[in-house]
Protein backbone atom coordinates (compact mmCIF):
# COMPACT_ATOMS: atom_id res chain seq x y z
CA MET A 1 147.22 154.67 35.11
CA SER A 2 147.70 154.62 38.92
CA ILE A 3 146.76 151.75 41.20
CA HIS A 4 144.05 152.51 43.47
CA LEU A 5 145.14 150.45 46.68
CA SER A 6 148.54 149.43 47.94
CA VAL A 7 148.31 146.28 50.38
CA ILE A 8 151.48 146.56 52.51
CA ILE A 9 152.14 143.20 54.53
CA PRO A 10 155.54 143.13 56.56
CA ALA A 11 156.37 139.66 57.60
CA TYR A 12 158.82 138.36 60.29
CA ASN A 13 159.02 134.57 60.92
CA THR A 14 155.42 134.21 60.01
CA GLU A 15 155.60 131.28 57.70
CA ARG A 16 152.82 129.43 59.58
CA TYR A 17 150.07 132.48 58.69
CA LEU A 18 151.50 134.32 55.60
CA GLN A 19 149.74 132.24 53.01
CA ARG A 20 146.55 132.68 54.97
CA CYS A 21 146.98 136.31 54.90
CA VAL A 22 147.94 136.83 51.42
CA ASP A 23 145.49 134.33 50.13
CA SER A 24 142.55 136.03 51.97
CA VAL A 25 143.56 139.36 49.94
CA LEU A 26 143.80 137.30 46.49
CA THR A 27 140.38 135.66 47.06
CA SER A 28 138.66 138.94 48.20
CA ASP A 29 136.65 141.32 46.28
CA LEU A 30 139.21 143.75 45.73
CA ARG A 31 140.12 145.23 42.24
CA ASP A 32 142.94 147.27 40.80
CA TYR A 33 145.59 146.66 43.80
CA GLU A 34 149.12 145.61 44.33
CA ILE A 35 150.49 143.67 47.31
CA ILE A 36 153.96 144.54 48.85
CA LEU A 37 155.39 142.00 51.02
CA VAL A 38 158.30 142.76 53.16
CA ASP A 39 160.52 140.02 54.54
CA ASP A 40 162.05 141.57 57.42
CA GLY A 41 165.08 139.41 58.00
CA SER A 42 162.97 136.18 58.59
CA LYS A 43 164.91 133.20 59.77
CA ASP A 44 162.21 130.74 58.52
CA GLY A 45 160.53 130.31 55.33
CA THR A 46 158.76 133.24 55.33
CA GLY A 47 161.27 134.96 52.62
CA ALA A 48 160.74 132.01 50.19
CA ILE A 49 157.00 132.19 50.34
CA CYS A 50 157.04 136.03 49.52
CA ASP A 51 159.23 135.06 46.47
CA ASP A 52 156.66 132.28 45.42
CA TYR A 53 154.03 134.89 45.38
CA ALA A 54 155.86 137.53 43.50
CA ALA A 55 156.88 134.94 40.88
CA SER A 56 153.13 133.83 40.36
CA HIS A 57 151.52 137.56 40.49
CA SER A 58 152.63 140.45 38.60
CA PHE A 59 150.98 142.66 40.97
CA ILE A 60 152.66 141.27 43.88
CA LYS A 61 156.34 142.75 44.95
CA ALA A 62 158.76 141.02 47.41
CA ILE A 63 161.03 142.91 49.35
CA HIS A 64 163.84 141.54 51.65
CA GLN A 65 165.69 143.35 54.06
CA GLU A 66 167.71 142.95 57.40
CA ASN A 67 165.35 142.95 60.52
CA ARG A 68 164.44 146.56 61.30
CA GLY A 69 161.22 145.68 63.36
CA LEU A 70 157.65 146.18 62.20
CA PRO A 71 157.83 150.03 61.86
CA GLY A 72 160.95 149.72 59.76
CA ALA A 73 159.13 147.24 57.43
CA ARG A 74 156.30 149.10 56.99
CA ASN A 75 158.32 152.17 56.12
CA SER A 76 160.03 150.04 53.48
CA GLY A 77 156.80 149.01 52.01
CA PHE A 78 155.49 152.24 51.89
CA ALA A 79 158.48 153.44 50.04
CA GLN A 80 157.68 151.12 47.05
CA ALA A 81 154.07 151.70 47.23
CA SER A 82 152.47 153.24 43.97
CA GLY A 83 148.67 153.13 44.94
CA GLU A 84 146.66 156.14 45.51
CA TYR A 85 145.49 154.68 48.79
CA ILE A 86 147.66 152.61 51.29
CA TYR A 87 146.54 149.89 53.65
CA PHE A 88 148.82 148.09 56.24
CA MET A 89 148.03 144.59 57.03
CA ASP A 90 149.90 142.03 59.67
CA SER A 91 151.22 139.18 58.06
CA ASP A 92 149.29 136.76 60.72
CA ASP A 93 145.94 138.13 60.12
CA SER A 94 143.48 138.11 57.19
CA ILE A 95 140.44 140.05 56.07
CA GLU A 96 136.92 139.05 54.97
CA PRO A 97 136.25 137.92 51.22
CA GLN A 98 133.82 140.93 50.81
CA GLY A 99 133.73 144.64 52.44
CA LEU A 100 137.28 146.07 51.42
CA GLN A 101 136.24 147.00 47.82
CA SER A 102 133.16 148.58 49.09
CA VAL A 103 135.18 150.84 51.13
CA MET A 104 137.54 151.60 48.32
CA ASP A 105 134.59 152.45 46.18
CA VAL A 106 133.20 154.98 48.37
CA LEU A 107 136.87 156.55 48.84
CA VAL A 108 137.26 156.95 45.23
CA GLU A 109 133.85 158.52 44.62
CA ASN A 110 134.72 160.78 47.47
CA PRO A 111 138.27 162.07 46.85
CA THR A 112 138.13 164.66 49.68
CA VAL A 113 137.84 161.94 52.12
CA GLN A 114 141.50 161.22 53.28
CA MET A 115 141.07 158.27 55.81
CA ALA A 116 138.67 155.55 56.58
CA CYS A 117 138.33 153.03 59.24
CA PHE A 118 136.20 149.82 59.63
CA GLY A 119 135.52 147.13 62.26
CA PHE A 120 137.12 144.01 62.86
CA THR A 121 136.67 140.62 64.55
CA ARG A 122 139.09 138.92 67.18
CA ILE A 123 139.44 135.43 66.80
CA TYR A 124 141.13 133.62 69.84
CA ASP A 125 142.77 130.35 69.97
CA ASP A 126 139.96 128.38 71.29
CA GLY A 127 137.81 129.60 68.18
CA THR A 128 135.83 132.02 70.02
CA GLN A 129 135.21 135.26 67.89
CA GLU A 130 134.50 138.67 69.29
CA LYS A 131 133.09 141.52 66.61
CA ARG A 132 134.00 145.24 67.19
CA VAL A 133 131.80 147.41 65.21
CA LEU A 134 132.90 151.11 65.12
CA TYR A 135 129.44 152.51 63.90
CA SER A 136 126.12 151.15 64.11
CA GLY A 137 123.87 153.92 62.73
CA SER A 138 121.12 153.16 59.85
CA GLU A 139 123.85 154.10 57.12
CA SER A 140 126.62 151.98 56.21
CA SER A 141 129.24 154.73 57.07
CA ILE A 142 129.48 158.40 58.45
CA THR A 143 131.65 161.24 57.43
CA VAL A 144 133.50 162.95 60.35
CA GLN A 145 135.46 166.37 60.29
CA GLY A 146 137.40 168.20 62.79
CA LYS A 147 137.47 167.31 66.32
CA ASP A 148 135.18 164.15 65.50
CA VAL A 149 138.37 162.82 63.57
CA PHE A 150 140.18 162.53 67.02
CA TYR A 151 137.14 161.14 68.78
CA ARG A 152 136.64 158.43 66.21
CA PHE A 153 140.44 157.57 65.38
CA LEU A 154 141.99 158.09 68.73
CA SER A 155 139.46 157.43 71.46
CA GLY A 156 138.69 153.96 70.15
CA PRO A 157 141.10 151.47 68.51
CA ALA A 158 144.00 153.24 67.05
CA PHE A 159 145.41 150.06 64.90
CA VAL A 160 146.58 150.93 61.36
CA TRP A 161 145.33 147.65 60.10
CA ASN A 162 141.63 148.59 60.15
CA LYS A 163 142.34 151.97 58.40
CA ILE A 164 142.80 153.01 54.58
CA PHE A 165 144.92 156.10 54.17
CA LYS A 166 145.02 158.51 51.00
CA LYS A 167 148.73 158.28 50.07
CA ASP A 168 149.09 162.19 49.91
CA LEU A 169 148.02 162.43 53.62
CA ILE A 170 150.76 160.15 54.78
CA GLU A 171 153.46 160.95 52.50
CA GLU A 172 155.27 163.12 54.92
CA PHE A 173 154.94 160.63 57.51
CA ARG A 174 156.80 157.24 58.53
CA PHE A 175 156.65 154.84 61.52
CA THR A 176 159.08 155.50 64.35
CA GLU A 177 161.49 152.80 63.99
CA SER A 178 162.76 153.28 67.63
CA LEU A 179 159.35 152.16 69.00
CA ARG A 180 158.58 148.49 69.46
CA HIS A 181 155.12 149.00 70.79
CA GLY A 182 152.72 151.91 70.21
CA GLU A 183 154.07 152.56 66.87
CA ASP A 184 150.10 152.38 65.33
CA VAL A 185 149.00 155.10 68.00
CA ASP A 186 152.14 157.16 67.27
CA PHE A 187 151.53 157.10 63.61
CA VAL A 188 147.50 157.61 63.74
CA PHE A 189 148.03 160.42 66.07
CA ARG A 190 150.20 162.41 63.86
CA VAL A 191 148.13 161.54 60.65
CA VAL A 192 145.03 162.71 62.45
CA TRP A 193 146.42 166.26 62.93
CA LYS A 194 146.47 166.68 59.14
CA CYS A 195 143.33 164.77 58.42
CA GLN A 196 140.56 167.05 57.50
CA THR A 197 137.88 164.72 56.46
CA ALA A 198 137.58 160.79 57.25
CA MET A 199 134.98 158.18 57.14
CA VAL A 200 133.70 155.39 59.64
CA PHE A 201 132.37 152.27 58.04
CA SER A 202 129.98 149.96 60.08
CA ILE A 203 131.44 146.58 58.48
CA PRO A 204 133.82 144.39 60.51
CA ILE A 205 136.52 143.53 57.70
CA TYR A 206 139.52 142.67 59.26
CA HIS A 207 140.45 139.23 61.19
CA TYR A 208 142.89 139.71 64.24
CA TYR A 209 144.08 136.67 65.51
CA CYS A 210 144.70 137.00 69.26
CA GLN A 211 147.26 135.07 71.47
CA ARG A 212 149.17 133.52 68.79
CA ALA A 213 152.82 132.25 69.29
CA GLY A 214 155.23 135.25 68.89
CA ASN A 215 152.48 138.01 69.12
CA ILE A 216 154.45 140.83 70.70
CA SER A 217 151.39 142.39 72.02
CA TRP A 218 150.89 139.61 74.49
CA LYS A 219 154.39 139.88 76.18
CA LEU A 220 155.02 142.09 79.25
CA ASN A 221 158.40 143.68 78.58
CA ASP A 222 160.00 146.92 78.32
CA ASN A 223 158.34 147.62 75.13
CA VAL A 224 155.30 148.04 77.19
CA MET A 225 156.76 151.17 78.35
CA ASP A 226 156.84 152.28 75.01
CA TYR A 227 153.00 152.10 74.69
CA LEU A 228 152.40 153.99 77.90
CA SER A 229 154.82 156.44 76.88
CA VAL A 230 153.30 157.11 73.40
CA SER A 231 149.74 157.17 75.04
CA ARG A 232 151.07 159.88 77.30
CA GLY A 233 152.30 161.61 74.49
CA VAL A 234 148.87 161.65 72.88
CA PHE A 235 147.45 163.17 75.91
CA ASP A 236 150.10 165.63 76.49
CA GLY A 237 149.45 166.87 72.67
CA LEU A 238 145.87 167.16 73.12
CA ARG A 239 145.78 168.49 76.71
CA ASP A 240 144.84 172.14 75.61
CA SER A 241 142.35 171.12 73.01
CA ILE A 242 140.69 167.86 73.54
CA PRO A 243 142.16 166.27 76.63
CA THR A 244 139.43 163.65 77.14
CA VAL A 245 140.65 161.90 73.71
CA GLY A 246 144.17 161.61 75.17
CA MET A 247 142.78 160.51 78.49
CA SER A 248 140.92 157.77 76.89
CA ARG A 249 144.02 156.58 75.14
CA CYS A 250 145.97 156.45 78.13
CA PHE A 251 143.41 154.53 79.89
CA ILE A 252 143.23 151.84 76.91
CA ALA A 253 147.20 151.63 77.29
CA ALA A 254 146.97 151.33 81.07
CA LYS A 255 144.24 148.56 80.99
CA THR A 256 146.07 146.46 78.34
CA THR A 257 149.27 146.81 80.35
CA LEU A 258 147.44 145.48 83.38
CA THR A 259 145.99 142.36 81.67
CA LYS A 260 149.45 141.36 81.21
CA ILE A 261 150.87 141.89 84.90
CA PRO A 262 150.24 138.31 86.49
CA LYS A 263 150.22 139.44 90.39
CA PRO A 264 149.83 142.69 92.17
CA THR A 265 153.66 142.23 93.57
CA GLY A 266 156.96 142.01 91.99
CA PHE A 267 155.87 144.31 89.06
CA GLY A 268 156.66 147.88 90.76
CA PRO A 269 158.15 149.46 87.58
CA TYR A 270 154.98 148.80 85.48
CA PHE A 271 152.71 150.08 88.16
CA ARG A 272 154.55 153.22 88.57
CA ALA A 273 154.59 153.71 84.82
CA ILE A 274 150.88 153.13 84.65
CA ARG A 275 150.30 155.76 87.53
CA LYS A 276 152.49 158.09 85.71
CA THR A 277 150.49 157.67 82.51
CA LEU A 278 147.35 158.40 84.27
CA ARG A 279 148.46 161.53 86.23
CA PHE A 280 145.47 163.88 85.51
CA ARG A 281 143.86 166.78 87.04
CA PRO A 282 140.42 166.24 88.83
CA ARG A 283 138.64 168.49 86.62
CA GLU A 284 140.17 166.56 83.67
CA ILE A 285 138.77 163.20 85.33
CA ALA A 286 135.34 164.95 85.63
CA ALA A 287 135.46 166.06 82.04
CA TYR A 288 136.39 162.55 80.90
CA TRP A 289 133.50 161.20 82.80
CA LYS A 290 130.89 163.57 81.20
CA ASP A 291 132.23 163.51 77.70
CA ARG A 292 129.52 161.54 75.54
CA ASN A 293 131.50 161.89 72.35
CA LEU A 294 134.29 159.31 73.56
CA CYS A 295 133.86 155.73 71.94
CA GLU A 296 133.36 154.34 75.41
CA SER A 297 130.43 153.19 77.49
CA LYS A 298 129.76 153.97 80.93
CA ALA A 299 131.01 150.68 81.99
CA GLN A 300 134.30 151.18 80.26
CA LYS A 301 134.67 154.45 81.69
CA ALA A 302 133.88 152.92 85.26
CA ALA A 303 136.68 150.52 84.53
CA SER A 304 139.26 153.19 83.60
CA MET A 305 138.09 154.71 87.16
CA ALA A 306 138.91 151.28 88.71
CA VAL A 307 142.36 151.35 86.93
CA LEU A 308 143.18 155.02 88.16
CA LEU A 309 142.37 154.31 91.67
CA PHE A 310 142.98 150.54 92.41
CA PRO A 311 145.61 149.28 89.54
CA HIS A 312 146.73 146.69 91.93
CA CYS A 313 143.23 145.43 92.74
CA VAL A 314 142.36 145.40 88.87
CA THR A 315 145.33 143.12 88.64
CA CYS A 316 143.95 140.61 91.14
CA LEU A 317 140.58 140.77 89.49
CA ASN A 318 142.19 139.87 86.15
CA ARG A 319 144.18 136.88 87.71
CA ILE A 320 140.93 135.73 89.15
CA ARG A 321 139.21 135.89 85.58
CA LYS A 322 141.94 134.06 83.92
CA HIS A 323 141.57 131.13 86.41
């Protein structure tokens, strides 16, 4: 009898956080699952922690490999997965004790649903928390199809760690190992094209720890160019069908990049890349502003217009806020 859910956890030099991550799964309400730990060439004690868990639990597998980056580690874990559904976690995050099994119960009862997403909580180094709920209607979840899948899964958070995929939906896909940033967006974009029916759940299940040491998403380097390029690729792919969704993706990438630029001078290549990413026609900008189906408020759209017109000024404002 097949396992319902495979939880894939890539790990690279995260000995400080890995136990918190794995224990959050073990102590959750999940039933009928396996955990696949992928030690991606770690130099610290991460590999030993993976082996300890595998030795203590028959449903935990430990994989060791030379460093291939996060996309390569996820691909290795997926190759060993035997679950009907796939869930990718990051090794320095955790999940709520309750919630994931309720999502699984709904998915198992509705086999035509190929993908699900749920809310999350950002937890900062100073202890403050920010909950992100993706759906706030009277029901605990909604079913989306057709273009609504693009709106729900691409114009909002396009992470993989707040999504569960049916294995046969993503069987033909792999994470692009040449990417060091934006691999989630790239993967979700390709999967959404194939997905016919998905669900959005209101509950925030995932704990995303921000600004921790070593978190690549908080570094300004050439990897950011990958993120901008992938986001522009989403727009180019949707330009003839749902351009506003692609624009939303580009604005998110541009805003994220601007939060990393410390000052308005000396970072010309990044500003040029942002302007290239946001090269839209006037009618496309008007359509973006009017599109009420996007997962964005008017304030968020106004911020997008500021990034489009005055990226250097936005950097100055970000600097003032930080200080």
